[in-house]
């Protein structure tokens, strides 16, 4: 079975941070995106799960498959910064999930 080789894609993580912040910010300032709380909630939960899936996959790759953890060009500092960036993305994903789930319990108006 051929394994898909994933590298440290910092641009993808930054894009996910921007999407999560944009979604949460729009819900905070506009109160609704579609006019229906259920749809807003579904969008938020799915977006949050998608955002959280990337850092989770990166950590699994790093700890269980040792990809990227022991490269000769990789320093301890860059590894720590990589883990910090993944943690920030994971937190943004959780915030998007939380914002989405609260849409199910809010009344419009």
PDB file of N, CA and C in Angstrom:
ATOM      1  N   UNK A   1       0.843  -1.162   0.000  1.00  0.00           N
ATOM      2  CA  UNK A   1       0.000   0.000   0.000  1.00  0.00           C
ATOM      3  C   UNK A   1       0.897   1.237   0.000  1.00  0.00           C
ATOM      4  N   UNK A   2       0.622   2.160  -0.888  1.00  0.00           N
ATOM      5  CA  UNK A   2       1.415   3.376  -0.996  1.00  0.00           C
ATOM      6  C   UNK A   2       0.912   4.400   0.020  1.00  0.00           C
ATOM      7  N   UNK A   3       1.844   4.931   0.794  1.00  0.00           N
ATOM      8  CA  UNK A   3       1.481   5.920   1.809  1.00  0.00           C
ATOM      9  C   UNK A   3       1.602   7.314   1.226  1.00  0.00           C
ATOM     10  N   UNK A   4       0.654   8.146   1.594  1.00  0.00           N
ATOM     11  CA  UNK A   4       0.675   9.543   1.165  1.00  0.00           C
ATOM     12  C   UNK A   4       1.642  10.309   2.052  1.00  0.00           C
ATOM     13  N   UNK A   5       2.623  10.913   1.444  1.00  0.00           N
ATOM     14  CA  UNK A   5       3.642  11.647   2.205  1.00  0.00           C
ATOM     15  C   UNK A   5       3.196  13.083   2.397  1.00  0.00           C
ATOM     16  N   UNK A   6       3.014  13.480   3.646  1.00  0.00           N
ATOM     17  CA  UNK A   6       2.595  14.836   3.976  1.00  0.00           C
ATOM     18  C   UNK A   6       3.772  15.570   4.594  1.00  0.00           C
ATOM     19  N   UNK A   7       3.966  16.766   4.166  1.00  0.00           N
ATOM     20  CA  UNK A   7       5.016  17.588   4.733  1.00  0.00           C
ATOM     21  C   UNK A   7       4.437  18.611   5.683  1.00  0.00           C
ATOM     22  N   UNK A   8       5.304  19.483   6.142  1.00  0.00           N
ATOM     23  CA  UNK A   8       4.860  20.571   7.010  1.00  0.00           C
ATOM     24  C   UNK A   8       4.364  21.720   6.145  1.00  0.00           C
ATOM     25  N   UNK A   9       3.068  21.782   5.962  1.00  0.00           N
ATOM     26  CA  UNK A   9       2.486  22.798   5.109  1.00  0.00           C
ATOM     27  C   UNK A   9       1.959  23.947   5.964  1.00  0.00           C
ATOM     28  N   UNK A  10       2.794  24.929   6.163  1.00  0.00           N
ATOM     29  CA  UNK A  10       2.460  26.063   7.026  1.00  0.00           C
ATOM     30  C   UNK A  10       1.384  26.927   6.388  1.00  0.00           C
ATOM     31  N   UNK A  11       1.394  27.059   5.071  1.00  0.00           N
ATOM     32  CA  UNK A  11       0.388  27.892   4.399  1.00  0.00           C
ATOM     33  C   UNK A  11      -1.017  27.338   4.627  1.00  0.00           C
ATOM     34  N   UNK A  12      -1.155  26.036   4.603  1.00  0.00           N
ATOM     35  CA  UNK A  12      -2.459  25.424   4.846  1.00  0.00           C
ATOM     36  C   UNK A  12      -2.935  25.720   6.263  1.00  0.00           C
ATOM     37  N   UNK A  13      -2.043  25.620   7.223  1.00  0.00           N
ATOM     38  CA  UNK A  13      -2.430  25.886   8.609  1.00  0.00           C
ATOM     39  C   UNK A  13      -2.842  27.346   8.800  1.00  0.00           C
ATOM     40  N   UNK A  14      -2.108  28.270   8.185  1.00  0.00           N
ATOM     41  CA  UNK A  14      -2.481  29.686   8.284  1.00  0.00           C
ATOM     42  C   UNK A  14      -3.821  29.943   7.608  1.00  0.00           C
ATOM     43  N   UNK A  15      -4.082  29.294   6.482  1.00  0.00           N
ATOM     44  CA  UNK A  15      -5.375  29.449   5.803  1.00  0.00           C
ATOM     45  C   UNK A  15      -6.508  28.933   6.687  1.00  0.00           C
ATOM     46  N   UNK A  16      -6.282  27.817   7.381  1.00  0.00           N
ATOM     47  CA  UNK A  16      -7.300  27.282   8.281  1.00  0.00           C
ATOM     48  C   UNK A  16      -7.561  28.233   9.451  1.00  0.00           C
ATOM     49  N   UNK A  17      -6.494  28.847   9.960  1.00  0.00           N
ATOM     50  CA  UNK A  17      -6.663  29.843  11.027  1.00  0.00           C
ATOM     51  C   UNK A  17      -7.536  30.988  10.533  1.00  0.00           C
ATOM     52  N   UNK A  18      -7.260  31.481   9.327  1.00  0.00           N
ATOM     53  CA  UNK A  18      -8.042  32.589   8.777  1.00  0.00           C
ATOM     54  C   UNK A  18      -9.504  32.207   8.566  1.00  0.00           C
ATOM     55  N   UNK A  19      -9.772  30.998   8.050  1.00  0.00           N
ATOM     56  CA  UNK A  19     -11.149  30.554   7.859  1.00  0.00           C
ATOM     57  C   UNK A  19     -11.895  30.459   9.194  1.00  0.00           C
ATOM     58  N   UNK A  20     -11.246  29.907  10.189  1.00  0.00           N
ATOM     59  CA  UNK A  20     -11.891  29.783  11.501  1.00  0.00           C
ATOM     60  C   UNK A  20     -12.178  31.128  12.137  1.00  0.00           C
ATOM     61  N   UNK A  21     -11.229  32.039  12.056  1.00  0.00           N
ATOM     62  CA  UNK A  21     -11.434  33.377  12.616  1.00  0.00           C
ATOM     63  C   UNK A  21     -12.506  34.128  11.829  1.00  0.00           C
ATOM     64  N   UNK A  22     -12.493  33.980  10.500  1.00  0.00           N
ATOM     65  CA  UNK A  22     -13.503  34.656   9.670  1.00  0.00           C
ATOM     66  C   UNK A  22     -14.902  34.162  10.006  1.00  0.00           C
ATOM     67  N   UNK A  23     -15.076  32.852  10.138  1.00  0.00           N
ATOM     68  CA  UNK A  23     -16.391  32.304  10.472  1.00  0.00           C
ATOM     69  C   UNK A  23     -16.854  32.797  11.840  1.00  0.00           C
ATOM     70  N   UNK A  24     -15.992  32.687  12.824  1.00  0.00           N
ATOM     71  CA  UNK A  24     -16.366  33.106  14.174  1.00  0.00           C
ATOM     72  C   UNK A  24     -16.632  34.606  14.226  1.00  0.00           C
ATOM     73  N   UNK A  25     -15.812  35.384  13.525  1.00  0.00           N
ATOM     74  CA  UNK A  25     -16.013  36.830  13.498  1.00  0.00           C
ATOM     75  C   UNK A  25     -17.309  37.221  12.815  1.00  0.00           C
ATOM     76  N   UNK A  26     -17.623  36.565  11.698  1.00  0.00           N
ATOM     77  CA  UNK A  26     -18.882  36.868  11.018  1.00  0.00           C
ATOM     78  C   UNK A  26     -20.081  36.545  11.893  1.00  0.00           C
ATOM     79  N   UNK A  27     -20.045  35.425  12.584  1.00  0.00           N
ATOM     80  CA  UNK A  27     -21.155  35.088  13.473  1.00  0.00           C
ATOM     81  C   UNK A  27     -21.251  36.068  14.637  1.00  0.00           C
ATOM     82  N   UNK A  28     -20.123  36.533  15.108  1.00  0.00           N
ATOM     83  CA  UNK A  28     -20.139  37.470  16.234  1.00  0.00           C
ATOM     84  C   UNK A  28     -20.726  38.819  15.827  1.00  0.00           C
ATOM     85  N   UNK A  29     -20.337  39.322  14.665  1.00  0.00           N
ATOM     86  CA  UNK A  29     -20.767  40.658  14.267  1.00  0.00           C
ATOM     87  C   UNK A  29     -22.085  40.679  13.502  1.00  0.00           C
ATOM     88  N   UNK A  30     -22.394  39.641  12.728  1.00  0.00           N
ATOM     89  CA  UNK A  30     -23.634  39.626  11.958  1.00  0.00           C
ATOM     90  C   UNK A  30     -24.736  38.811  12.622  1.00  0.00           C
ATOM     91  N   UNK A  31     -24.410  38.026  13.589  1.00  0.00           N
ATOM     92  CA  UNK A  31     -25.334  37.157  14.328  1.00  0.00           C
ATOM     93  C   UNK A  31     -25.851  35.980  13.508  1.00  0.00           C
ATOM     94  N   UNK A  32     -25.841  36.074  12.186  1.00  0.00           N
ATOM     95  CA  UNK A  32     -26.260  34.949  11.352  1.00  0.00           C
ATOM     96  C   UNK A  32     -25.626  35.080   9.975  1.00  0.00           C
ATOM     97  N   UNK A  33     -25.353  33.953   9.355  1.00  0.00           N
ATOM     98  CA  UNK A  33     -24.805  33.965   8.000  1.00  0.00           C
ATOM     99  C   UNK A  33     -25.891  33.688   6.964  1.00  0.00           C
ATOM    100  N   UNK A  34     -26.740  32.726   7.262  1.00  0.00           N
ATOM    101  CA  UNK A  34     -27.752  32.296   6.302  1.00  0.00           C
ATOM    102  C   UNK A  34     -29.160  32.700   6.710  1.00  0.00           C
ATOM    103  N   UNK A  35     -29.332  33.162   7.930  1.00  0.00           N
ATOM    104  CA  UNK A  35     -30.668  33.477   8.421  1.00  0.00           C
ATOM    105  C   UNK A  35     -31.308  32.324   9.165  1.00  0.00           C
ATOM    106  N   UNK A  36     -30.687  31.157   9.100  1.00  0.00           N
ATOM    107  CA  UNK A  36     -31.213  29.981   9.797  1.00  0.00           C
ATOM    108  C   UNK A  36     -30.128  29.442  10.721  1.00  0.00           C
ATOM    109  N   UNK A  37     -30.436  29.396  12.010  1.00  0.00           N
ATOM    110  CA  UNK A  37     -29.445  28.955  12.990  1.00  0.00           C
ATOM    111  C   UNK A  37     -28.977  27.528  12.755  1.00  0.00           C
ATOM    112  N   UNK A  38     -29.861  26.652  12.294  1.00  0.00           N
ATOM    113  CA  UNK A  38     -29.473  25.264  12.076  1.00  0.00           C
ATOM    114  C   UNK A  38     -28.402  25.161  10.988  1.00  0.00           C
ATOM    115  N   UNK A  39     -28.573  25.905   9.913  1.00  0.00           N
ATOM    116  CA  UNK A  39     -27.606  25.861   8.815  1.00  0.00           C
ATOM    117  C   UNK A  39     -26.289  26.498   9.256  1.00  0.00           C
ATOM    118  N   UNK A  40     -26.387  27.621   9.980  1.00  0.00           N
ATOM    119  CA  UNK A  40     -25.170  28.246  10.508  1.00  0.00           C
ATOM    120  C   UNK A  40     -24.421  27.296  11.428  1.00  0.00           C
ATOM    121  N   UNK A  41     -25.163  26.563  12.240  1.00  0.00           N
ATOM    122  CA  UNK A  41     -24.551  25.597  13.149  1.00  0.00           C
ATOM    123  C   UNK A  41     -23.889  24.453  12.420  1.00  0.00           C
ATOM    124  N   UNK A  42     -24.537  23.948  11.388  1.00  0.00           N
ATOM    125  CA  UNK A  42     -23.958  22.854  10.603  1.00  0.00           C
ATOM    126  C   UNK A  42     -22.675  23.315   9.929  1.00  0.00           C
ATOM    127  N   UNK A  43     -22.701  24.517   9.370  1.00  0.00           N
ATOM    128  CA  UNK A  43     -21.501  25.061   8.723  1.00  0.00           C
ATOM    129  C   UNK A  43     -20.369  25.177   9.737  1.00  0.00           C
ATOM    130  N   UNK A  44     -20.669  25.693  10.920  1.00  0.00           N
ATOM    131  CA  UNK A  44     -19.643  25.879  11.945  1.00  0.00           C
ATOM    132  C   UNK A  44     -19.042  24.577  12.434  1.00  0.00           C
ATOM    133  N   UNK A  45     -19.902  23.592  12.678  1.00  0.00           N
ATOM    134  CA  UNK A  45     -19.404  22.308  13.178  1.00  0.00           C
ATOM    135  C   UNK A  45     -18.562  21.612  12.112  1.00  0.00           C
ATOM    136  N   UNK A  46     -19.029  21.597  10.881  1.00  0.00           N
ATOM    137  CA  UNK A  46     -18.255  20.954   9.817  1.00  0.00           C
ATOM    138  C   UNK A  46     -16.941  21.681   9.550  1.00  0.00           C
ATOM    139  N   UNK A  47     -16.981  23.009   9.543  1.00  0.00           N
ATOM    140  CA  UNK A  47     -15.754  23.780   9.351  1.00  0.00           C
ATOM    141  C   UNK A  47     -14.784  23.535  10.498  1.00  0.00           C
ATOM    142  N   UNK A  48     -15.281  23.523  11.722  1.00  0.00           N
ATOM    143  CA  UNK A  48     -14.427  23.266  12.876  1.00  0.00           C
ATOM    144  C   UNK A  48     -13.816  21.877  12.852  1.00  0.00           C
ATOM    145  N   UNK A  49     -14.594  20.879  12.467  1.00  0.00           N
ATOM    146  CA  UNK A  49     -14.054  19.524  12.370  1.00  0.00           C
ATOM    147  C   UNK A  49     -12.997  19.430  11.287  1.00  0.00           C
ATOM    148  N   UNK A  50     -13.226  20.107  10.165  1.00  0.00           N
ATOM    149  CA  UNK A  50     -12.234  20.103   9.102  1.00  0.00           C
ATOM    150  C   UNK A  50     -10.951  20.796   9.549  1.00  0.00           C
ATOM    151  N   UNK A  51     -11.096  21.918  10.239  1.00  0.00           N
ATOM    152  CA  UNK A  51      -9.926  22.645  10.738  1.00  0.00           C
ATOM    153  C   UNK A  51      -9.149  21.775  11.729  1.00  0.00           C
ATOM    154  N   UNK A  52      -9.848  21.121  12.629  1.00  0.00           N
ATOM    155  CA  UNK A  52      -9.196  20.288  13.639  1.00  0.00           C
ATOM    156  C   UNK A  52      -8.548  19.035  13.046  1.00  0.00           C
ATOM    157  N   UNK A  53      -9.015  18.588  11.897  1.00  0.00           N
ATOM    158  CA  UNK A  53      -8.474  17.355  11.328  1.00  0.00           C
ATOM    159  C   UNK A  53      -7.025  17.512  10.871  1.00  0.00           C
ATOM    160  N   UNK A  54      -6.640  18.683  10.438  1.00  0.00           N
ATOM    161  CA  UNK A  54      -5.271  18.880   9.943  1.00  0.00           C
ATOM    162  C   UNK A  54      -4.218  18.795  11.053  1.00  0.00           C
ATOM    163  N   UNK A  55      -4.377  19.540  12.157  1.00  0.00           N
ATOM    164  CA  UNK A  55      -3.371  19.374  13.210  1.00  0.00           C
ATOM    165  C   UNK A  55      -3.395  17.985  13.839  1.00  0.00           C
ATOM    166  N   UNK A  56      -4.566  17.375  13.900  1.00  0.00           N
ATOM    167  CA  UNK A  56      -4.633  16.016  14.447  1.00  0.00           C
ATOM    168  C   UNK A  56      -3.843  15.048  13.565  1.00  0.00           C
ATOM    169  N   UNK A  57      -3.991  15.175  12.252  1.00  0.00           N
ATOM    170  CA  UNK A  57      -3.236  14.317  11.336  1.00  0.00           C
ATOM    171  C   UNK A  57      -1.738  14.601  11.429  1.00  0.00           C
ATOM    172  N   UNK A  58      -1.379  15.873  11.590  1.00  0.00           N
ATOM    173  CA  UNK A  58       0.040  16.216  11.713  1.00  0.00           C
ATOM    174  C   UNK A  58       0.663  15.616  12.964  1.00  0.00           C
ATOM    175  N   UNK A  59      -0.055  15.647  14.064  1.00  0.00           N
ATOM    176  CA  UNK A  59       0.475  15.093  15.309  1.00  0.00           C
ATOM    177  C   UNK A  59       0.572  13.576  15.221  1.00  0.00           C
ATOM    178  N   UNK A  60      -0.422  12.935  14.612  1.00  0.00           N
ATOM    179  CA  UNK A  60      -0.359  11.482  14.430  1.00  0.00           C
ATOM    180  C   UNK A  60       0.837  11.119  13.560  1.00  0.00           C
ATOM    181  N   UNK A  61       1.026  11.865  12.475  1.00  0.00           N
ATOM    182  CA  UNK A  61       2.188  11.613  11.617  1.00  0.00           C
ATOM    183  C   UNK A  61       3.488  11.790  12.380  1.00  0.00           C
ATOM    184  N   UNK A  62       3.552  12.824  13.199  1.00  0.00           N
ATOM    185  CA  UNK A  62       4.806  13.125  13.898  1.00  0.00           C
ATOM    186  C   UNK A  62       5.133  12.088  14.981  1.00  0.00           C
ATOM    187  N   UNK A  63       4.139  11.741  15.788  1.00  0.00           N
ATOM    188  CA  UNK A  63       4.417  10.870  16.920  1.00  0.00           C
ATOM    189  C   UNK A  63       4.363   9.379  16.591  1.00  0.00           C
ATOM    190  N   UNK A  64       3.451   8.976  15.745  1.00  0.00           N
ATOM    191  CA  UNK A  64       3.300   7.555  15.498  1.00  0.00           C
ATOM    192  C   UNK A  64       4.065   7.068  14.277  1.00  0.00           C
ATOM    193  N   UNK A  65       4.172   7.894  13.275  1.00  0.00           N
ATOM    194  CA  UNK A  65       4.863   7.478  12.057  1.00  0.00           C
ATOM    195  C   UNK A  65       6.224   8.128  11.925  1.00  0.00           C
ATOM    196  N   UNK A  66       6.577   8.993  12.866  1.00  0.00           N
ATOM    197  CA  UNK A  66       7.886   9.647  12.926  1.00  0.00           C
ATOM    198  C   UNK A  66       8.221  10.443  11.670  1.00  0.00           C
ATOM    199  N   UNK A  67       7.215  10.913  10.969  1.00  0.00           N
ATOM    200  CA  UNK A  67       7.472  11.747   9.806  1.00  0.00           C
ATOM    201  C   UNK A  67       7.728  13.162  10.264  1.00  0.00           C
ATOM    202  N   UNK A  68       8.806  13.709   9.831  1.00  0.00           N
ATOM    203  CA  UNK A  68       9.121  15.087  10.151  1.00  0.00           C
ATOM    204  C   UNK A  68       9.732  15.282  11.513  1.00  0.00           C
ATOM    205  N   UNK A  69       9.762  14.272  12.325  1.00  0.00           N
ATOM    206  CA  UNK A  69      10.263  14.437  13.681  1.00  0.00           C
ATOM    207  C   UNK A  69      11.779  14.345  13.744  1.00  0.00           C
ATOM    208  N   UNK A  70      12.379  13.565  12.859  1.00  0.00           N
ATOM    209  CA  UNK A  70      13.819  13.348  12.949  1.00  0.00           C
ATOM    210  C   UNK A  70      14.535  13.643  11.638  1.00  0.00           C
ATOM    211  N   UNK A  71      14.137  14.699  10.995  1.00  0.00           N
ATOM    212  CA  UNK A  71      14.869  15.120   9.795  1.00  0.00           C
ATOM    213  C   UNK A  71      16.160  15.786  10.227  1.00  0.00           C
ATOM    214  N   UNK A  72      17.241  15.581   9.497  1.00  0.00           N
ATOM    215  CA  UNK A  72      18.505  16.214   9.866  1.00  0.00           C
ATOM    216  C   UNK A  72      18.433  17.738   9.846  1.00  0.00           C
ATOM    217  N   UNK A  73      17.614  18.308   8.962  1.00  0.00           N
ATOM    218  CA  UNK A  73      17.511  19.766   8.875  1.00  0.00           C
ATOM    219  C   UNK A  73      16.533  20.340   9.891  1.00  0.00           C
ATOM    220  N   UNK A  74      15.831  19.491  10.598  1.00  0.00           N
ATOM    221  CA  UNK A  74      14.827  19.931  11.557  1.00  0.00           C
ATOM    222  C   UNK A  74      15.452  20.116  12.935  1.00  0.00           C
ATOM    223  N   UNK A  75      15.358  21.336  13.457  1.00  0.00           N
ATOM    224  CA  UNK A  75      15.891  21.597  14.790  1.00  0.00           C
ATOM    225  C   UNK A  75      14.793  21.402  15.829  1.00  0.00           C
ATOM    226  N   UNK A  76      15.214  21.371  17.066  1.00  0.00           N
ATOM    227  CA  UNK A  76      14.246  21.217  18.152  1.00  0.00           C
ATOM    228  C   UNK A  76      13.308  22.422  18.199  1.00  0.00           C
ATOM    229  N   UNK A  77      13.863  23.621  17.907  1.00  0.00           N
ATOM    230  CA  UNK A  77      13.055  24.838  17.934  1.00  0.00           C
ATOM    231  C   UNK A  77      11.980  24.801  16.847  1.00  0.00           C
ATOM    232  N   UNK A  78      12.338  24.382  15.639  1.00  0.00           N
ATOM    233  CA  UNK A  78      11.347  24.335  14.566  1.00  0.00           C
ATOM    234  C   UNK A  78      10.266  23.297  14.855  1.00  0.00           C
ATOM    235  N   UNK A  79      10.632  22.211  15.500  1.00  0.00           N
ATOM    236  CA  UNK A  79       9.641  21.204  15.872  1.00  0.00           C
ATOM    237  C   UNK A  79       8.674  21.755  16.905  1.00  0.00           C
ATOM    238  N   UNK A  80       9.185  22.488  17.893  1.00  0.00           N
ATOM    239  CA  UNK A  80       8.328  23.094  18.914  1.00  0.00           C
ATOM    240  C   UNK A  80       7.406  24.131  18.292  1.00  0.00           C
ATOM    241  N   UNK A  81       7.943  24.967  17.404  1.00  0.00           N
ATOM    242  CA  UNK A  81       7.110  25.965  16.734  1.00  0.00           C
ATOM    243  C   UNK A  81       6.041  25.308  15.865  1.00  0.00           C
ATOM    244  N   UNK A  82       6.369  24.195  15.232  1.00  0.00           N
ATOM    245  CA  UNK A  82       5.405  23.446  14.440  1.00  0.00           C
ATOM    246  C   UNK A  82       4.273  22.926  15.331  1.00  0.00           C
ATOM    247  N   UNK A  83       4.625  22.400  16.494  1.00  0.00           N
ATOM    248  CA  UNK A  83       3.603  21.913  17.421  1.00  0.00           C
ATOM    249  C   UNK A  83       2.747  23.055  17.966  1.00  0.00           C
ATOM    250  N   UNK A  84       3.358  24.209  18.226  1.00  0.00           N
ATOM    251  CA  UNK A  84       2.601  25.372  18.706  1.00  0.00           C
ATOM    252  C   UNK A  84       1.607  25.832  17.641  1.00  0.00           C
ATOM    253  N   UNK A  85       2.051  25.905  16.389  1.00  0.00           N
ATOM    254  CA  UNK A  85       1.155  26.308  15.297  1.00  0.00           C
ATOM    255  C   UNK A  85       0.002  25.316  15.160  1.00  0.00           C
ATOM    256  N   UNK A  86       0.280  24.025  15.267  1.00  0.00           N
ATOM    257  CA  UNK A  86      -0.779  23.024  15.207  1.00  0.00           C
ATOM    258  C   UNK A  86      -1.750  23.163  16.371  1.00  0.00           C
ATOM    259  N   UNK A  87      -1.243  23.511  17.551  1.00  0.00           N
ATOM    260  CA  UNK A  87      -2.104  23.714  18.711  1.00  0.00           C
ATOM    261  C   UNK A  87      -3.009  24.920  18.511  1.00  0.00           C
ATOM    262  N   UNK A  88      -2.471  25.994  17.942  1.00  0.00           N
ATOM    263  CA  UNK A  88      -3.284  27.182  17.667  1.00  0.00           C
ATOM    264  C   UNK A  88      -4.392  26.845  16.672  1.00  0.00           C
ATOM    265  N   UNK A  89      -4.062  26.103  15.629  1.00  0.00           N
ATOM    266  CA  UNK A  89      -5.072  25.704  14.639  1.00  0.00           C
ATOM    267  C   UNK A  89      -6.137  24.828  15.295  1.00  0.00           C
ATOM    268  N   UNK A  90      -5.729  23.935  16.165  1.00  0.00           N
ATOM    269  CA  UNK A  90      -6.679  23.076  16.866  1.00  0.00           C
ATOM    270  C   UNK A  90      -7.619  23.905  17.745  1.00  0.00           C
ATOM    271  N   UNK A  91      -7.085  24.887  18.437  1.00  0.00           N
ATOM    272  CA  UNK A  91      -7.926  25.762  19.271  1.00  0.00           C
ATOM    273  C   UNK A  91      -8.901  26.577  18.424  1.00  0.00           C
ATOM    274  N   UNK A  92      -8.455  27.077  17.297  1.00  0.00           N
ATOM    275  CA  UNK A  92      -9.345  27.816  16.395  1.00  0.00           C
ATOM    276  C   UNK A  92     -10.457  26.900  15.892  1.00  0.00           C
ATOM    277  N   UNK A  93     -10.114  25.665  15.595  1.00  0.00           N
ATOM    278  CA  UNK A  93     -11.134  24.696  15.178  1.00  0.00           C
ATOM    279  C   UNK A  93     -12.155  24.441  16.271  1.00  0.00           C
ATOM    280  N   UNK A  94     -11.685  24.323  17.507  1.00  0.00           N
ATOM    281  CA  UNK A  94     -12.609  24.130  18.629  1.00  0.00           C
ATOM    282  C   UNK A  94     -13.516  25.342  18.805  1.00  0.00           C
ATOM    283  N   UNK A  95     -12.977  26.527  18.606  1.00  0.00           N
ATOM    284  CA  UNK A  95     -13.795  27.743  18.710  1.00  0.00           C
ATOM    285  C   UNK A  95     -14.868  27.741  17.624  1.00  0.00           C
ATOM    286  N   UNK A  96     -14.514  27.340  16.406  1.00  0.00           N
ATOM    287  CA  UNK A  96     -15.503  27.261  15.331  1.00  0.00           C
ATOM    288  C   UNK A  96     -16.576  26.221  15.644  1.00  0.00           C
ATOM    289  N   UNK A  97     -16.188  25.089  16.201  1.00  0.00           N
ATOM    290  CA  UNK A  97     -17.172  24.075  16.600  1.00  0.00           C
ATOM    291  C   UNK A  97     -18.084  24.619  17.682  1.00  0.00           C
ATOM    292  N   UNK A  98     -17.509  25.303  18.669  1.00  0.00           N
ATOM    293  CA  UNK A  98     -18.306  25.881  19.749  1.00  0.00           C
ATOM    294  C   UNK A  98     -19.267  26.935  19.209  1.00  0.00           C
ATOM    295  N   UNK A  99     -18.778  27.806  18.316  1.00  0.00           N
ATOM    296  CA  UNK A  99     -19.647  28.828  17.729  1.00  0.00           C
ATOM    297  C   UNK A  99     -20.764  28.182  16.925  1.00  0.00           C
ATOM    298  N   UNK A 100     -20.459  27.107  16.228  1.00  0.00           N
ATOM    299  CA  UNK A 100     -21.479  26.407  15.456  1.00  0.00           C
ATOM    300  C   UNK A 100     -22.522  25.732  16.331  1.00  0.00           C
ATOM    301  N   UNK A 101     -22.067  25.097  17.402  1.00  0.00           N
ATOM    302  CA  UNK A 101     -23.042  24.406  18.266  1.00  0.00           C
ATOM    303  C   UNK A 101     -23.921  25.392  19.025  1.00  0.00           C
ATOM    304  N   UNK A 102     -23.407  26.556  19.342  1.00  0.00           N
ATOM    305  CA  UNK A 102     -24.247  27.543  20.028  1.00  0.00           C
ATOM    306  C   UNK A 102     -25.316  28.093  19.109  1.00  0.00           C
ATOM    307  N   UNK A 103     -25.128  28.001  17.812  1.00  0.00           N
ATOM    308  CA  UNK A 103     -26.163  28.437  16.858  1.00  0.00           C
ATOM    309  C   UNK A 103     -27.434  27.611  16.998  1.00  0.00           C
ATOM    310  N   UNK A 104     -27.295  26.352  17.385  1.00  0.00           N
ATOM    311  CA  UNK A 104     -28.464  25.485  17.520  1.00  0.00           C
ATOM    312  C   UNK A 104     -29.351  25.915  18.687  1.00  0.00           C
ATOM    313  N   UNK A 105     -28.790  26.627  19.651  1.00  0.00           N
ATOM    314  CA  UNK A 105     -29.545  26.989  20.843  1.00  0.00           C
ATOM    315  C   UNK A 105     -29.912  28.455  20.893  1.00  0.00           C
ATOM    316  N   UNK A 106     -29.487  29.254  19.922  1.00  0.00           N
ATOM    317  CA  UNK A 106     -29.811  30.676  19.879  1.00  0.00           C
ATOM    318  C   UNK A 106     -31.063  30.915  19.060  1.00  0.00           C
ATOM    319  N   UNK A 107     -31.806  31.922  19.466  1.00  0.00           N
ATOM    320  CA  UNK A 107     -32.989  32.348  18.723  1.00  0.00           C
ATOM    321  C   UNK A 107     -32.607  33.541  17.866  1.00  0.00           C
ATOM    322  N   UNK A 108     -33.084  33.575  16.632  1.00  0.00           N
ATOM    323  CA  UNK A 108     -32.832  34.708  15.744  1.00  0.00           C
ATOM    324  C   UNK A 108     -33.739  35.849  16.144  1.00  0.00           C
ATOM    325  N   UNK A 109     -33.161  37.056  16.185  1.00  0.00           N
ATOM    326  CA  UNK A 109     -33.997  38.217  16.466  1.00  0.00           C
ATOM    327  C   UNK A 109     -33.699  38.872  17.696  1.00  0.00           C
TER     328      UNK A 109
END
